[in-house]
Amino acid sequence: MAESPKTYETKTGKILTDTDIEALADEAERGFDVEILKERRRGRPMLGNAPSEVVPVRLDPELRRAVEARAELDHTTSSEIIREALRRFLDVA
């Protein structure tokens, strides 16, 4: 009975085989176009014209449930619901 090829799981959950790793190593040995790599933005996209700041806020259980329910209804995140509520309350774009 043949052994299954060894697999590796990346931090993001992608499964790689030895063949995949060899292909990545070959690509690295050929070299990378640094300008193309610079164009690839990593991390979260900016929400405005500058990096965002995390602001911890305490919510009572009822308010938290209401925010989560609205986020689920709108197919978005609790953070986006809170940002939109603040924009409307403060009348800012």
C-alpha atoms as a PDB file:
ATOM      1  CA  MET A   1       0.000   0.000   0.000  1.00  0.00           C
ATOM      2  CA  ALA A   2       1.446   3.352  -1.071  1.00  0.00           C
ATOM      3  CA  GLU A   3       1.903   6.020   1.552  1.00  0.00           C
ATOM      4  CA  SER A   4      -0.092   9.216   1.231  1.00  0.00           C
ATOM      5  CA  PRO A   5       2.073  12.191   0.306  1.00  0.00           C
ATOM      6  CA  LYS A   6       3.060  14.308   3.299  1.00  0.00           C
ATOM      7  CA  THR A   7       1.077  17.508   3.626  1.00  0.00           C
ATOM      8  CA  TYR A   8       1.695  20.723   5.510  1.00  0.00           C
ATOM      9  CA  GLU A   9      -0.821  23.280   6.710  1.00  0.00           C
ATOM     10  CA  THR A  10      -0.060  26.980   6.473  1.00  0.00           C
ATOM     11  CA  LYS A  11      -1.073  29.517   9.090  1.00  0.00           C
ATOM     12  CA  THR A  12      -4.096  30.410   6.942  1.00  0.00           C
ATOM     13  CA  GLY A  13      -5.184  26.779   6.673  1.00  0.00           C
ATOM     14  CA  LYS A  14      -3.995  26.135   3.120  1.00  0.00           C
ATOM     15  CA  ILE A  15      -2.728  22.572   2.607  1.00  0.00           C
ATOM     16  CA  LEU A  16       0.610  22.207   0.798  1.00  0.00           C
ATOM     17  CA  THR A  17       2.263  19.056  -0.511  1.00  0.00           C
ATOM     18  CA  ASP A  18       5.966  18.427  -1.073  1.00  0.00           C
ATOM     19  CA  THR A  19       5.333  19.250  -4.743  1.00  0.00           C
ATOM     20  CA  ASP A  20       3.859  22.622  -3.805  1.00  0.00           C
ATOM     21  CA  ILE A  21       6.832  23.387  -1.579  1.00  0.00           C
ATOM     22  CA  GLU A  22       9.278  22.432  -4.343  1.00  0.00           C
ATOM     23  CA  ALA A  23       7.461  24.770  -6.747  1.00  0.00           C
ATOM     24  CA  LEU A  24       7.664  27.612  -4.216  1.00  0.00           C
ATOM     25  CA  ALA A  25      11.367  26.940  -3.670  1.00  0.00           C
ATOM     26  CA  ASP A  26      11.983  26.952  -7.439  1.00  0.00           C
ATOM     27  CA  GLU A  27      10.170  30.274  -7.717  1.00  0.00           C
ATOM     28  CA  ALA A  28      12.261  31.733  -4.894  1.00  0.00           C
ATOM     29  CA  GLU A  29      15.484  30.531  -6.509  1.00  0.00           C
ATOM     30  CA  ARG A  30      14.515  32.251  -9.782  1.00  0.00           C
ATOM     31  CA  GLY A  31      14.088  35.468  -7.811  1.00  0.00           C
ATOM     32  CA  PHE A  32      11.185  37.788  -7.171  1.00  0.00           C
ATOM     33  CA  ASP A  33      10.252  41.064  -8.814  1.00  0.00           C
ATOM     34  CA  VAL A  34      10.459  43.365  -5.821  1.00  0.00           C
ATOM     35  CA  GLU A  35       8.264  46.031  -7.453  1.00  0.00           C
ATOM     36  CA  ILE A  36       5.430  43.525  -7.931  1.00  0.00           C
ATOM     37  CA  LEU A  37       5.762  42.403  -4.324  1.00  0.00           C
ATOM     38  CA  LYS A  38       5.566  46.029  -3.155  1.00  0.00           C
ATOM     39  CA  GLU A  39       2.310  46.463  -5.094  1.00  0.00           C
ATOM     40  CA  ARG A  40       0.692  43.618  -3.152  1.00  0.00           C
ATOM     41  CA  ARG A  41      -0.816  45.253  -0.124  1.00  0.00           C
ATOM     42  CA  ARG A  42      -0.844  43.020   2.883  1.00  0.00           C
ATOM     43  CA  GLY A  43      -2.983  43.295   5.962  1.00  0.00           C
ATOM     44  CA  ARG A  44      -6.319  44.957   6.361  1.00  0.00           C
ATOM     45  CA  PRO A  45      -7.403  47.598   3.891  1.00  0.00           C
ATOM     46  CA  MET A  46      -7.478  51.168   5.162  1.00  0.00           C
ATOM     47  CA  LEU A  47     -10.912  52.423   6.194  1.00  0.00           C
ATOM     48  CA  GLY A  48     -10.176  56.055   5.455  1.00  0.00           C
ATOM     49  CA  ASN A  49      -7.223  58.105   4.344  1.00  0.00           C
ATOM     50  CA  ALA A  50      -4.998  57.029   7.256  1.00  0.00           C
ATOM     51  CA  PRO A  51      -4.392  53.900   9.316  1.00  0.00           C
ATOM     52  CA  SER A  52      -7.264  53.110  11.666  1.00  0.00           C
ATOM     53  CA  GLU A  53      -6.987  53.023  15.416  1.00  0.00           C
ATOM     54  CA  VAL A  54      -8.539  50.441  17.707  1.00  0.00           C
ATOM     55  CA  VAL A  55     -10.807  51.985  20.340  1.00  0.00           C
ATOM     56  CA  PRO A  56     -12.019  49.538  22.998  1.00  0.00           C
ATOM     57  CA  VAL A  57     -15.637  50.109  23.992  1.00  0.00           C
ATOM     58  CA  ARG A  58     -17.738  48.328  26.605  1.00  0.00           C
ATOM     59  CA  LEU A  59     -21.273  47.381  25.571  1.00  0.00           C
ATOM     60  CA  ASP A  60     -23.995  46.091  27.805  1.00  0.00           C
ATOM     61  CA  PRO A  61     -25.336  42.653  26.798  1.00  0.00           C
ATOM     62  CA  GLU A  62     -28.550  44.026  25.236  1.00  0.00           C
ATOM     63  CA  LEU A  63     -26.695  46.522  23.079  1.00  0.00           C
ATOM     64  CA  ARG A  64     -24.140  43.915  22.058  1.00  0.00           C
ATOM     65  CA  ARG A  65     -26.902  41.488  21.023  1.00  0.00           C
ATOM     66  CA  ALA A  66     -28.623  44.252  19.043  1.00  0.00           C
ATOM     67  CA  VAL A  67     -25.384  45.130  17.215  1.00  0.00           C
ATOM     68  CA  GLU A  68     -24.670  41.475  16.422  1.00  0.00           C
ATOM     69  CA  ALA A  69     -28.247  40.893  15.229  1.00  0.00           C
ATOM     70  CA  ARG A  70     -28.069  43.916  12.925  1.00  0.00           C
ATOM     71  CA  ALA A  71     -24.685  42.816  11.595  1.00  0.00           C
ATOM     72  CA  GLU A  72     -26.059  39.367  10.801  1.00  0.00           C
ATOM     73  CA  LEU A  73     -29.141  40.880   9.151  1.00  0.00           C
ATOM     74  CA  ASP A  74     -26.964  43.191   7.018  1.00  0.00           C
ATOM     75  CA  HIS A  75     -24.374  40.460   6.289  1.00  0.00           C
ATOM     76  CA  THR A  76     -21.590  42.581   7.731  1.00  0.00           C
ATOM     77  CA  THR A  77     -19.530  42.848  10.897  1.00  0.00           C
ATOM     78  CA  SER A  78     -20.314  44.296  14.303  1.00  0.00           C
ATOM     79  CA  SER A  79     -17.446  46.743  13.788  1.00  0.00           C
ATOM     80  CA  GLU A  80     -18.996  48.074  10.584  1.00  0.00           C
ATOM     81  CA  ILE A  81     -22.376  48.525  12.307  1.00  0.00           C
ATOM     82  CA  ILE A  82     -20.712  50.485  15.123  1.00  0.00           C
ATOM     83  CA  ARG A  83     -18.718  52.642  12.667  1.00  0.00           C
ATOM     84  CA  GLU A  84     -21.861  53.423  10.660  1.00  0.00           C
ATOM     85  CA  ALA A  85     -23.823  54.294  13.813  1.00  0.00           C
ATOM     86  CA  LEU A  86     -21.051  56.665  14.913  1.00  0.00           C
ATOM     87  CA  ARG A  87     -20.872  58.282  11.466  1.00  0.00           C
ATOM     88  CA  ARG A  88     -24.612  58.930  11.501  1.00  0.00           C
ATOM     89  CA  PHE A  89     -24.675  60.156  15.110  1.00  0.00           C
ATOM     90  CA  LEU A  90     -21.711  62.464  14.587  1.00  0.00           C
ATOM     91  CA  ASP A  91     -22.755  63.440  11.042  1.00  0.00           C
ATOM     92  CA  VAL A  92     -19.371  62.656   9.497  1.00  0.00           C
ATOM     93  CA  ALA A  93     -18.574  60.923   6.218  1.00  0.00           C
END
